[in-house]
Amino acid sequence: MSDPVASPCINVCALDVSGRVCMGCFRDIQEIAMWGGMSDVQRAGVLEKLPERRRRFEAGGTFDD
């Protein structure tokens, strides 16, 4: 049995100017709220999106997937 997919939270809980995306973990509000009830497959899907969100933020872009 494998370990559950861990939260990407780094305890830097501050939202972007739109109020939609956490600047610490780069999850959106809905993903954060639903994390506890997600399956490991769903969590892994969220984690796959985060590096690209971070890259877009650092490039001055938007978070829209």
PDB file of N, CA and C in Angstrom:
ATOM      1  N   MET A   1       0.851  -1.182   0.000  1.00  0.00           N
ATOM      2  CA  MET A   1       0.000   0.000   0.000  1.00  0.00           C
ATOM      3  C   MET A   1       0.896   1.245   0.000  1.00  0.00           C
ATOM      4  N   SER A   2       0.611   2.181  -0.862  1.00  0.00           N
ATOM      5  CA  SER A   2       1.429   3.386  -0.948  1.00  0.00           C
ATOM      6  C   SER A   2       0.896   4.469  -0.016  1.00  0.00           C
ATOM      7  N   ASP A   3       1.774   5.418   0.287  1.00  0.00           N
ATOM      8  CA  ASP A   3       1.383   6.545   1.130  1.00  0.00           C
ATOM      9  C   ASP A   3       0.417   7.441   0.363  1.00  0.00           C
ATOM     10  N   PRO A   4      -0.493   8.105   1.073  1.00  0.00           N
ATOM     11  CA  PRO A   4      -1.399   9.038   0.394  1.00  0.00           C
ATOM     12  C   PRO A   4      -0.615  10.212  -0.181  1.00  0.00           C
ATOM     13  N   VAL A   5      -1.160  10.819  -1.224  1.00  0.00           N
ATOM     14  CA  VAL A   5      -0.528  11.972  -1.846  1.00  0.00           C
ATOM     15  C   VAL A   5      -0.575  13.127  -0.861  1.00  0.00           C
ATOM     16  N   ALA A   6       0.583  13.664  -0.533  1.00  0.00           N
ATOM     17  CA  ALA A   6       0.693  14.726   0.469  1.00  0.00           C
ATOM     18  C   ALA A   6       0.283  16.075  -0.106  1.00  0.00           C
ATOM     19  N   SER A   7      -0.205  16.921   0.753  1.00  0.00           N
ATOM     20  CA  SER A   7      -0.574  18.283   0.382  1.00  0.00           C
ATOM     21  C   SER A   7       0.680  19.067  -0.001  1.00  0.00           C
ATOM     22  N   PRO A   8       0.575  19.929  -1.014  1.00  0.00           N
ATOM     23  CA  PRO A   8       1.709  20.771  -1.383  1.00  0.00           C
ATOM     24  C   PRO A   8       1.821  22.028  -0.523  1.00  0.00           C
ATOM     25  N   CYS A   9       0.970  22.158   0.480  1.00  0.00           N
ATOM     26  CA  CYS A   9       0.959  23.341   1.336  1.00  0.00           C
ATOM     27  C   CYS A   9       2.322  23.544   1.990  1.00  0.00           C
ATOM     28  N   ILE A  10       2.830  24.787   1.929  1.00  0.00           N
ATOM     29  CA  ILE A  10       4.096  25.124   2.573  1.00  0.00           C
ATOM     30  C   ILE A  10       3.885  26.179   3.666  1.00  0.00           C
ATOM     31  N   ASN A  11       2.645  26.327   4.103  1.00  0.00           N
ATOM     32  CA  ASN A  11       2.274  27.270   5.165  1.00  0.00           C
ATOM     33  C   ASN A  11       2.585  28.721   4.816  1.00  0.00           C
ATOM     34  N   VAL A  12       2.458  29.048   3.549  1.00  0.00           N
ATOM     35  CA  VAL A  12       2.524  30.425   3.066  1.00  0.00           C
ATOM     36  C   VAL A  12       1.163  30.670   2.424  1.00  0.00           C
ATOM     37  N   CYS A  13       0.192  30.899   3.259  1.00  0.00           N
ATOM     38  CA  CYS A  13      -1.199  30.964   2.813  1.00  0.00           C
ATOM     39  C   CYS A  13      -1.610  32.399   2.512  1.00  0.00           C
ATOM     40  N   ALA A  14      -1.351  32.810   1.291  1.00  0.00           N
ATOM     41  CA  ALA A  14      -1.709  34.152   0.833  1.00  0.00           C
ATOM     42  C   ALA A  14      -2.211  34.033  -0.588  1.00  0.00           C
ATOM     43  N   LEU A  15      -3.337  34.667  -0.862  1.00  0.00           N
ATOM     44  CA  LEU A  15      -3.926  34.577  -2.192  1.00  0.00           C
ATOM     45  C   LEU A  15      -3.361  35.638  -3.124  1.00  0.00           C
ATOM     46  N   ASP A  16      -3.389  35.319  -4.418  1.00  0.00           N
ATOM     47  CA  ASP A  16      -2.980  36.290  -5.436  1.00  0.00           C
ATOM     48  C   ASP A  16      -3.993  37.430  -5.470  1.00  0.00           C
ATOM     49  N   VAL A  17      -3.750  38.437  -6.280  1.00  0.00           N
ATOM     50  CA  VAL A  17      -4.621  39.615  -6.318  1.00  0.00           C
ATOM     51  C   VAL A  17      -6.043  39.283  -6.742  1.00  0.00           C
ATOM     52  N   SER A  18      -6.226  38.209  -7.502  1.00  0.00           N
ATOM     53  CA  SER A  18      -7.579  37.814  -7.920  1.00  0.00           C
ATOM     54  C   SER A  18      -8.323  37.120  -6.782  1.00  0.00           C
ATOM     55  N   GLY A  19      -7.593  36.686  -5.743  1.00  0.00           N
ATOM     56  CA  GLY A  19      -8.212  35.973  -4.634  1.00  0.00           C
ATOM     57  C   GLY A  19      -8.545  34.537  -4.973  1.00  0.00           C
ATOM     58  N   ARG A  20      -7.927  34.008  -6.012  1.00  0.00           N
ATOM     59  CA  ARG A  20      -8.264  32.656  -6.465  1.00  0.00           C
ATOM     60  C   ARG A  20      -7.181  31.619  -6.228  1.00  0.00           C
ATOM     61  N   VAL A  21      -5.912  32.031  -6.192  1.00  0.00           N
ATOM     62  CA  VAL A  21      -4.806  31.064  -6.149  1.00  0.00           C
ATOM     63  C   VAL A  21      -3.874  31.376  -4.982  1.00  0.00           C
ATOM     64  N   CYS A  22      -3.514  30.338  -4.234  1.00  0.00           N
ATOM     65  CA  CYS A  22      -2.580  30.498  -3.120  1.00  0.00           C
ATOM     66  C   CYS A  22      -1.173  30.713  -3.670  1.00  0.00           C
ATOM     67  N   MET A  23      -0.499  31.728  -3.163  1.00  0.00           N
ATOM     68  CA  MET A  23       0.845  32.043  -3.619  1.00  0.00           C
ATOM     69  C   MET A  23       1.902  31.128  -2.995  1.00  0.00           C
ATOM     70  N   GLY A  24       1.509  30.315  -2.047  1.00  0.00           N
ATOM     71  CA  GLY A  24       2.440  29.362  -1.446  1.00  0.00           C
ATOM     72  C   GLY A  24       2.475  28.042  -2.188  1.00  0.00           C
ATOM     73  N   CYS A  25       1.317  27.466  -2.429  1.00  0.00           N
ATOM     74  CA  CYS A  25       1.253  26.133  -3.041  1.00  0.00           C
ATOM     75  C   CYS A  25       0.744  26.155  -4.483  1.00  0.00           C
ATOM     76  N   PHE A  26       0.173  27.271  -4.904  1.00  0.00           N
ATOM     77  CA  PHE A  26      -0.352  27.468  -6.254  1.00  0.00           C
ATOM     78  C   PHE A  26      -1.598  26.641  -6.568  1.00  0.00           C
ATOM     79  N   ARG A  27      -2.264  26.161  -5.515  1.00  0.00           N
ATOM     80  CA  ARG A  27      -3.581  25.548  -5.737  1.00  0.00           C
ATOM     81  C   ARG A  27      -4.619  26.654  -5.758  1.00  0.00           C
ATOM     82  N   ASP A  28      -5.732  26.398  -6.467  1.00  0.00           N
ATOM     83  CA  ASP A  28      -6.807  27.381  -6.427  1.00  0.00           C
ATOM     84  C   ASP A  28      -7.706  27.095  -5.225  1.00  0.00           C
ATOM     85  N   ILE A  29      -8.581  28.024  -4.946  1.00  0.00           N
ATOM     86  CA  ILE A  29      -9.446  27.926  -3.762  1.00  0.00           C
ATOM     87  C   ILE A  29     -10.237  26.625  -3.741  1.00  0.00           C
ATOM     88  N   GLN A  30     -10.783  26.246  -4.878  1.00  0.00           N
ATOM     89  CA  GLN A  30     -11.578  25.017  -4.943  1.00  0.00           C
ATOM     90  C   GLN A  30     -10.708  23.791  -4.644  1.00  0.00           C
ATOM     91  N   GLU A  31      -9.519  23.740  -5.193  1.00  0.00           N
ATOM     92  CA  GLU A  31      -8.626  22.607  -4.938  1.00  0.00           C
ATOM     93  C   GLU A  31      -8.245  22.519  -3.468  1.00  0.00           C
ATOM     94  N   ILE A  32      -8.001  23.659  -2.846  1.00  0.00           N
ATOM     95  CA  ILE A  32      -7.661  23.675  -1.422  1.00  0.00           C
ATOM     96  C   ILE A  32      -8.848  23.168  -0.602  1.00  0.00           C
ATOM     97  N   ALA A  33     -10.025  23.677  -0.889  1.00  0.00           N
ATOM     98  CA  ALA A  33     -11.227  23.301  -0.137  1.00  0.00           C
ATOM     99  C   ALA A  33     -11.566  21.823  -0.295  1.00  0.00           C
ATOM    100  N   MET A  34     -11.314  21.267  -1.460  1.00  0.00           N
ATOM    101  CA  MET A  34     -11.703  19.886  -1.748  1.00  0.00           C
ATOM    102  C   MET A  34     -10.604  18.864  -1.450  1.00  0.00           C
ATOM    103  N   TRP A  35      -9.387  19.337  -1.137  1.00  0.00           N
ATOM    104  CA  TRP A  35      -8.241  18.450  -0.995  1.00  0.00           C
ATOM    105  C   TRP A  35      -8.515  17.262  -0.062  1.00  0.00           C
ATOM    106  N   GLY A  36      -9.071  17.494   1.091  1.00  0.00           N
ATOM    107  CA  GLY A  36      -9.310  16.429   2.067  1.00  0.00           C
ATOM    108  C   GLY A  36     -10.224  15.324   1.569  1.00  0.00           C
ATOM    109  N   GLY A  37     -11.117  15.633   0.643  1.00  0.00           N
ATOM    110  CA  GLY A  37     -12.044  14.644   0.112  1.00  0.00           C
ATOM    111  C   GLY A  37     -11.640  14.056  -1.222  1.00  0.00           C
ATOM    112  N   MET A  38     -10.500  14.483  -1.751  1.00  0.00           N
ATOM    113  CA  MET A  38     -10.046  13.993  -3.055  1.00  0.00           C
ATOM    114  C   MET A  38      -9.391  12.622  -2.929  1.00  0.00           C
ATOM    115  N   SER A  39      -9.500  11.859  -3.997  1.00  0.00           N
ATOM    116  CA  SER A  39      -8.768  10.597  -4.079  1.00  0.00           C
ATOM    117  C   SER A  39      -7.302  10.912  -4.403  1.00  0.00           C
ATOM    118  N   ASP A  40      -6.435   9.936  -4.249  1.00  0.00           N
ATOM    119  CA  ASP A  40      -5.033  10.138  -4.594  1.00  0.00           C
ATOM    120  C   ASP A  40      -4.867  10.449  -6.080  1.00  0.00           C
ATOM    121  N   VAL A  41      -5.696   9.874  -6.918  1.00  0.00           N
ATOM    122  CA  VAL A  41      -5.633  10.161  -8.357  1.00  0.00           C
ATOM    123  C   VAL A  41      -5.978  11.626  -8.609  1.00  0.00           C
ATOM    124  N   GLN A  42      -7.016  12.127  -7.951  1.00  0.00           N
ATOM    125  CA  GLN A  42      -7.390  13.532  -8.099  1.00  0.00           C
ATOM    126  C   GLN A  42      -6.287  14.447  -7.563  1.00  0.00           C
ATOM    127  N   ARG A  43      -5.732  14.109  -6.419  1.00  0.00           N
ATOM    128  CA  ARG A  43      -4.653  14.912  -5.843  1.00  0.00           C
ATOM    129  C   ARG A  43      -3.447  14.953  -6.778  1.00  0.00           C
ATOM    130  N   ALA A  44      -3.100  13.809  -7.332  1.00  0.00           N
ATOM    131  CA  ALA A  44      -1.968  13.756  -8.263  1.00  0.00           C
ATOM    132  C   ALA A  44      -2.243  14.642  -9.479  1.00  0.00           C
ATOM    133  N   GLY A  45      -3.491  14.681  -9.931  1.00  0.00           N
ATOM    134  CA  GLY A  45      -3.855  15.550 -11.045  1.00  0.00           C
ATOM    135  C   GLY A  45      -3.649  17.016 -10.715  1.00  0.00           C
ATOM    136  N   VAL A  46      -3.991  17.395  -9.503  1.00  0.00           N
ATOM    137  CA  VAL A  46      -3.778  18.782  -9.066  1.00  0.00           C
ATOM    138  C   VAL A  46      -2.281  19.072  -9.028  1.00  0.00           C
ATOM    139  N   LEU A  47      -1.508  18.166  -8.444  1.00  0.00           N
ATOM    140  CA  LEU A  47      -0.066  18.376  -8.325  1.00  0.00           C
ATOM    141  C   LEU A  47       0.599  18.548  -9.687  1.00  0.00           C
ATOM    142  N   GLU A  48       0.095  17.866 -10.698  1.00  0.00           N
ATOM    143  CA  GLU A  48       0.656  17.984 -12.048  1.00  0.00           C
ATOM    144  C   GLU A  48       0.510  19.395 -12.606  1.00  0.00           C
ATOM    145  N   LYS A  49      -0.522  20.118 -12.208  1.00  0.00           N
ATOM    146  CA  LYS A  49      -0.789  21.464 -12.717  1.00  0.00           C
ATOM    147  C   LYS A  49       0.083  22.541 -12.062  1.00  0.00           C
ATOM    148  N   LEU A  50       0.574  22.283 -10.860  1.00  0.00           N
ATOM    149  CA  LEU A  50       1.216  23.326 -10.067  1.00  0.00           C
ATOM    150  C   LEU A  50       2.513  23.885 -10.645  1.00  0.00           C
ATOM    151  N   PRO A  51       3.409  23.069 -11.193  1.00  0.00           N
ATOM    152  CA  PRO A  51       4.643  23.661 -11.745  1.00  0.00           C
ATOM    153  C   PRO A  51       4.365  24.662 -12.876  1.00  0.00           C
ATOM    154  N   GLU A  52       3.411  24.358 -13.731  1.00  0.00           N
ATOM    155  CA  GLU A  52       3.080  25.284 -14.820  1.00  0.00           C
ATOM    156  C   GLU A  52       2.452  26.562 -14.278  1.00  0.00           C
ATOM    157  N   ARG A  53       1.608  26.454 -13.267  1.00  0.00           N
ATOM    158  CA  ARG A  53       1.042  27.659 -12.645  1.00  0.00           C
ATOM    159  C   ARG A  53       2.148  28.539 -12.079  1.00  0.00           C
ATOM    160  N   ARG A  54       3.100  27.927 -11.414  1.00  0.00           N
ATOM    161  CA  ARG A  54       4.221  28.682 -10.842  1.00  0.00           C
ATOM    162  C   ARG A  54       5.016  29.366 -11.953  1.00  0.00           C
ATOM    163  N   ARG A  55       5.299  28.644 -13.035  1.00  0.00           N
ATOM    164  CA  ARG A  55       6.054  29.232 -14.149  1.00  0.00           C
ATOM    165  C   ARG A  55       5.319  30.428 -14.736  1.00  0.00           C
ATOM    166  N   ARG A  56       3.994  30.289 -14.925  1.00  0.00           N
ATOM    167  CA  ARG A  56       3.214  31.402 -15.471  1.00  0.00           C
ATOM    168  C   ARG A  56       3.222  32.588 -14.531  1.00  0.00           C
ATOM    169  N   PHE A  57       3.122  32.348 -13.233  1.00  0.00           N
ATOM    170  CA  PHE A  57       3.167  33.444 -12.261  1.00  0.00           C
ATOM    171  C   PHE A  57       4.509  34.150 -12.336  1.00  0.00           C
ATOM    172  N   GLU A  58       5.584  33.387 -12.331  1.00  0.00           N
ATOM    173  CA  GLU A  58       6.915  33.980 -12.356  1.00  0.00           C
ATOM    174  C   GLU A  58       7.172  34.759 -13.647  1.00  0.00           C
ATOM    175  N   ALA A  59       6.471  34.370 -14.718  1.00  0.00           N
ATOM    176  CA  ALA A  59       6.605  35.069 -16.004  1.00  0.00           C
ATOM    177  C   ALA A  59       5.637  36.231 -16.117  1.00  0.00           C
ATOM    178  N   GLY A  60       4.846  36.464 -15.072  1.00  0.00           N
ATOM    179  CA  GLY A  60       3.902  37.572 -15.078  1.00  0.00           C
ATOM    180  C   GLY A  60       2.580  37.256 -15.754  1.00  0.00           C
ATOM    181  N   GLY A  61       2.317  35.970 -15.969  1.00  0.00           N
ATOM    182  CA  GLY A  61       1.090  35.562 -16.641  1.00  0.00           C
ATOM    183  C   GLY A  61      -0.069  35.355 -15.684  1.00  0.00           C
ATOM    184  N   THR A  62      -1.056  34.616 -16.147  1.00  0.00           N
ATOM    185  CA  THR A  62      -2.239  34.318 -15.346  1.00  0.00           C
ATOM    186  C   THR A  62      -2.226  32.876 -14.893  1.00  0.00           C
ATOM    187  N   PHE A  63      -3.152  32.530 -14.012  1.00  0.00           N
ATOM    188  CA  PHE A  63      -3.246  31.171 -13.493  1.00  0.00           C
ATOM    189  C   PHE A  63      -4.276  30.325 -14.210  1.00  0.00           C
ATOM    190  N   ASP A  64      -5.011  30.869 -15.132  1.00  0.00           N
ATOM    191  CA  ASP A  64      -6.066  30.107 -15.795  1.00  0.00           C
ATOM    192  C   ASP A  64      -5.491  28.876 -16.460  1.00  0.00           C
ATOM    193  N   ASP A  65      -6.112  27.717 -16.162  1.00  0.00           N
ATOM    194  CA  ASP A  65      -5.652  26.453 -16.758  1.00  0.00           C
ATOM    195  C   ASP A  65      -6.197  26.279 -18.146  1.00  0.00           C
TER     196      ASP A  65
END
